[in-house]
Amino acid sequence: MKNQITTPWQAVQKARSVMLDNHREHFIGLYLNTHLKVIKVELISLGTINTCIVHPREVFRPAIVGRSAGLIVLHNHPSNDIEPSEDDMKVTRRLKEVGEIMQMPLYDHIIFSGDKFVSMKERGGVF
């Protein structure tokens, strides 16, 4: 199905469509309907070379307004090191908790750089 996200790599490809450059962190939301089709791609936060401020209200606002069934968040690491930091894990846990409360699931948090990525859902631990 067109626009349906079934793999982390498809999510990365969609996220790239709103990136301004590869030198700063971009925190991006993919907002999905019940069939996992993308209804909106949004740049949530634009950071520096190694950090991006992320607040749940900014992540979930487009989901509420757009009546999303769930979401995937992604961010790039300009350093090319795709290993999740402790801050990445904290943000993921927090967004997952908020999504559960709102009955709007966070399906994945993907970190990417170039052609490399790590799906925090596939890696386990937080999900």
C-alpha atoms as a PDB file:
ATOM      1  CA  MET A   1       0.000   0.000   0.000  1.00  0.00           C
ATOM      2  CA  LYS A   2       1.265   3.432  -0.890  1.00  0.00           C
ATOM      3  CA  ASN A   3       2.519   5.475   2.067  1.00  0.00           C
ATOM      4  CA  GLN A   4       2.188   2.508   4.426  1.00  0.00           C
ATOM      5  CA  ILE A   5       5.107   2.129   6.837  1.00  0.00           C
ATOM      6  CA  THR A   6       5.982  -1.509   7.449  1.00  0.00           C
ATOM      7  CA  THR A   7       9.760  -1.270   8.005  1.00  0.00           C
ATOM      8  CA  PRO A   8      12.107   1.119   9.824  1.00  0.00           C
ATOM      9  CA  TRP A   9      13.893   1.884   6.532  1.00  0.00           C
ATOM     10  CA  GLN A  10      10.629   3.102   4.968  1.00  0.00           C
ATOM     11  CA  ALA A  11      10.203   5.413   7.961  1.00  0.00           C
ATOM     12  CA  VAL A  12      13.736   6.783   7.502  1.00  0.00           C
ATOM     13  CA  GLN A  13      13.042   7.480   3.826  1.00  0.00           C
ATOM     14  CA  LYS A  14       9.871   9.422   4.729  1.00  0.00           C
ATOM     15  CA  ALA A  15      11.669  11.388   7.446  1.00  0.00           C
ATOM     16  CA  ARG A  16      14.359  12.555   5.031  1.00  0.00           C
ATOM     17  CA  SER A  17      11.705  14.477   3.097  1.00  0.00           C
ATOM     18  CA  VAL A  18      11.580  17.188   5.795  1.00  0.00           C
ATOM     19  CA  MET A  19      15.279  17.377   6.675  1.00  0.00           C
ATOM     20  CA  LEU A  20      16.996  20.688   6.020  1.00  0.00           C
ATOM     21  CA  ASP A  21      20.583  19.399   6.198  1.00  0.00           C
ATOM     22  CA  ASN A  22      22.680  16.565   7.649  1.00  0.00           C
ATOM     23  CA  HIS A  23      24.731  18.724  10.006  1.00  0.00           C
ATOM     24  CA  ARG A  24      22.156  19.261  12.763  1.00  0.00           C
ATOM     25  CA  GLU A  25      19.864  16.910  14.636  1.00  0.00           C
ATOM     26  CA  HIS A  26      16.309  16.789  13.306  1.00  0.00           C
ATOM     27  CA  PHE A  27      13.527  15.253  15.400  1.00  0.00           C
ATOM     28  CA  ILE A  28      10.737  14.156  13.078  1.00  0.00           C
ATOM     29  CA  GLY A  29       7.282  12.674  13.566  1.00  0.00           C
ATOM     30  CA  LEU A  30       5.480  10.364  11.180  1.00  0.00           C
ATOM     31  CA  TYR A  31       1.779  10.457  11.986  1.00  0.00           C
ATOM     32  CA  LEU A  32      -0.139   7.363  10.945  1.00  0.00           C
ATOM     33  CA  ASN A  33      -3.721   6.242  10.438  1.00  0.00           C
ATOM     34  CA  THR A  34      -5.076   2.867  11.564  1.00  0.00           C
ATOM     35  CA  HIS A  35      -3.607   1.179   8.454  1.00  0.00           C
ATOM     36  CA  LEU A  36      -0.100   2.521   9.216  1.00  0.00           C
ATOM     37  CA  LYS A  37      -0.349   4.935   6.308  1.00  0.00           C
ATOM     38  CA  VAL A  38       1.429   8.257   6.734  1.00  0.00           C
ATOM     39  CA  ILE A  39      -1.024  11.127   7.024  1.00  0.00           C
ATOM     40  CA  LYS A  40       1.584  13.714   8.021  1.00  0.00           C
ATOM     41  CA  VAL A  41       5.353  14.095   8.265  1.00  0.00           C
ATOM     42  CA  GLU A  42       6.488  16.897  10.540  1.00  0.00           C
ATOM     43  CA  LEU A  43       9.782  18.384  11.659  1.00  0.00           C
ATOM     44  CA  ILE A  44       9.206  18.689  15.400  1.00  0.00           C
ATOM     45  CA  SER A  45      12.537  20.108  16.499  1.00  0.00           C
ATOM     46  CA  LEU A  46      15.721  21.293  14.827  1.00  0.00           C
ATOM     47  CA  GLY A  47      18.743  21.083  17.055  1.00  0.00           C
ATOM     48  CA  THR A  48      22.498  21.456  16.996  1.00  0.00           C
ATOM     49  CA  ILE A  49      25.221  19.024  15.959  1.00  0.00           C
ATOM     50  CA  ASN A  50      24.593  16.814  18.989  1.00  0.00           C
ATOM     51  CA  THR A  51      21.309  17.676  20.675  1.00  0.00           C
ATOM     52  CA  CYS A  52      17.665  18.354  20.009  1.00  0.00           C
ATOM     53  CA  ILE A  53      15.068  19.543  22.531  1.00  0.00           C
ATOM     54  CA  VAL A  54      11.988  17.325  22.484  1.00  0.00           C
ATOM     55  CA  HIS A  55       8.855  17.835  24.548  1.00  0.00           C
ATOM     56  CA  PRO A  56       5.873  15.440  24.447  1.00  0.00           C
ATOM     57  CA  ARG A  57       3.352  18.242  23.844  1.00  0.00           C
ATOM     58  CA  GLU A  58       5.197  19.232  20.653  1.00  0.00           C
ATOM     59  CA  VAL A  59       5.326  15.610  19.506  1.00  0.00           C
ATOM     60  CA  PHE A  60       1.665  14.833  20.198  1.00  0.00           C
ATOM     61  CA  ARG A  61       0.105  18.143  19.105  1.00  0.00           C
ATOM     62  CA  PRO A  62       0.170  17.209  15.379  1.00  0.00           C
ATOM     63  CA  ALA A  63      -1.106  13.734  16.275  1.00  0.00           C
ATOM     64  CA  ILE A  64      -4.130  15.162  18.074  1.00  0.00           C
ATOM     65  CA  VAL A  65      -4.896  17.840  15.483  1.00  0.00           C
ATOM     66  CA  GLY A  66      -4.467  15.373  12.618  1.00  0.00           C
ATOM     67  CA  ARG A  67      -6.432  12.621  14.372  1.00  0.00           C
ATOM     68  CA  SER A  68      -3.585  10.139  14.087  1.00  0.00           C
ATOM     69  CA  ALA A  69      -3.987   6.594  15.314  1.00  0.00           C
ATOM     70  CA  GLY A  70      -0.310   6.350  16.252  1.00  0.00           C
ATOM     71  CA  LEU A  71       3.135   7.662  15.433  1.00  0.00           C
ATOM     72  CA  ILE A  72       6.763   6.899  14.754  1.00  0.00           C
ATOM     73  CA  VAL A  73       9.472   9.349  15.778  1.00  0.00           C
ATOM     74  CA  LEU A  74      12.918   9.546  14.265  1.00  0.00           C
ATOM     75  CA  HIS A  75      16.010  11.625  14.641  1.00  0.00           C
ATOM     76  CA  ASN A  76      19.352  11.731  12.940  1.00  0.00           C
ATOM     77  CA  HIS A  77      22.806  11.674  14.502  1.00  0.00           C
ATOM     78  CA  PRO A  78      25.141  13.917  12.477  1.00  0.00           C
ATOM     79  CA  SER A  79      28.099  12.192  14.199  1.00  0.00           C
ATOM     80  CA  ASN A  80      27.292   8.987  12.251  1.00  0.00           C
ATOM     81  CA  ASP A  81      27.141   7.069  15.562  1.00  0.00           C
ATOM     82  CA  ILE A  82      23.623   5.625  15.635  1.00  0.00           C
ATOM     83  CA  GLU A  83      23.871   4.134  19.133  1.00  0.00           C
ATOM     84  CA  PRO A  84      21.061   5.512  21.327  1.00  0.00           C
ATOM     85  CA  SER A  85      22.259   7.754  24.138  1.00  0.00           C
ATOM     86  CA  GLU A  86      20.798   7.676  27.625  1.00  0.00           C
ATOM     87  CA  ASP A  87      18.862  10.852  26.712  1.00  0.00           C
ATOM     88  CA  ASP A  88      17.467   9.072  23.632  1.00  0.00           C
ATOM     89  CA  MET A  89      16.246   6.255  25.875  1.00  0.00           C
ATOM     90  CA  LYS A  90      14.656   8.691  28.348  1.00  0.00           C
ATOM     91  CA  VAL A  91      12.822  10.569  25.590  1.00  0.00           C
ATOM     92  CA  THR A  92      11.568   7.291  24.133  1.00  0.00           C
ATOM     93  CA  ARG A  93      10.277   6.056  27.494  1.00  0.00           C
ATOM     94  CA  ARG A  94       8.517   9.352  28.121  1.00  0.00           C
ATOM     95  CA  LEU A  95       6.895   9.487  24.680  1.00  0.00           C
ATOM     96  CA  LYS A  96       5.814   5.865  24.995  1.00  0.00           C
ATOM     97  CA  GLU A  97       4.169   6.582  28.363  1.00  0.00           C
ATOM     98  CA  VAL A  98       2.358   9.653  27.022  1.00  0.00           C
ATOM     99  CA  GLY A  99       1.178   7.683  23.992  1.00  0.00           C
ATOM    100  CA  GLU A 100      -0.196   4.942  26.223  1.00  0.00           C
ATOM    101  CA  ILE A 101      -2.104   7.474  28.341  1.00  0.00           C
ATOM    102  CA  MET A 102      -3.529   9.130  25.232  1.00  0.00           C
ATOM    103  CA  GLN A 103      -4.254   5.779  23.540  1.00  0.00           C
ATOM    104  CA  MET A 104      -2.100   6.940  20.636  1.00  0.00           C
ATOM    105  CA  PRO A 105       0.784   4.451  20.507  1.00  0.00           C
ATOM    106  CA  LEU A 106       4.371   5.274  19.770  1.00  0.00           C
ATOM    107  CA  TYR A 107       5.232   2.471  17.345  1.00  0.00           C
ATOM    108  CA  ASP A 108       8.970   3.134  17.167  1.00  0.00           C
ATOM    109  CA  HIS A 109      11.803   5.593  17.708  1.00  0.00           C
ATOM    110  CA  ILE A 110      14.419   5.294  14.996  1.00  0.00           C
ATOM    111  CA  ILE A 111      17.880   6.852  15.019  1.00  0.00           C
ATOM    112  CA  PHE A 112      19.584   7.170  11.670  1.00  0.00           C
ATOM    113  CA  SER A 113      22.640   8.520   9.914  1.00  0.00           C
ATOM    114  CA  GLY A 114      23.368   8.021   6.235  1.00  0.00           C
ATOM    115  CA  ASP A 115      22.216   4.520   5.299  1.00  0.00           C
ATOM    116  CA  LYS A 116      22.510   3.219   8.874  1.00  0.00           C
ATOM    117  CA  PHE A 117      19.681   3.141  11.393  1.00  0.00           C
ATOM    118  CA  VAL A 118      18.648   1.551  14.649  1.00  0.00           C
ATOM    119  CA  SER A 119      15.038   0.827  15.518  1.00  0.00           C
ATOM    120  CA  MET A 120      14.590   1.065  19.252  1.00  0.00           C
ATOM    121  CA  LYS A 121      11.548  -1.203  18.963  1.00  0.00           C
ATOM    122  CA  GLU A 122      13.543  -3.914  17.186  1.00  0.00           C
ATOM    123  CA  ARG A 123      16.350  -3.535  19.690  1.00  0.00           C
ATOM    124  CA  GLY A 124      13.946  -4.021  22.603  1.00  0.00           C
ATOM    125  CA  GLY A 125      14.310  -2.714  26.122  1.00  0.00           C
ATOM    126  CA  VAL A 126      12.111   0.362  25.884  1.00  0.00           C
ATOM    127  CA  PHE A 127       9.309  -1.261  23.872  1.00  0.00           C
END
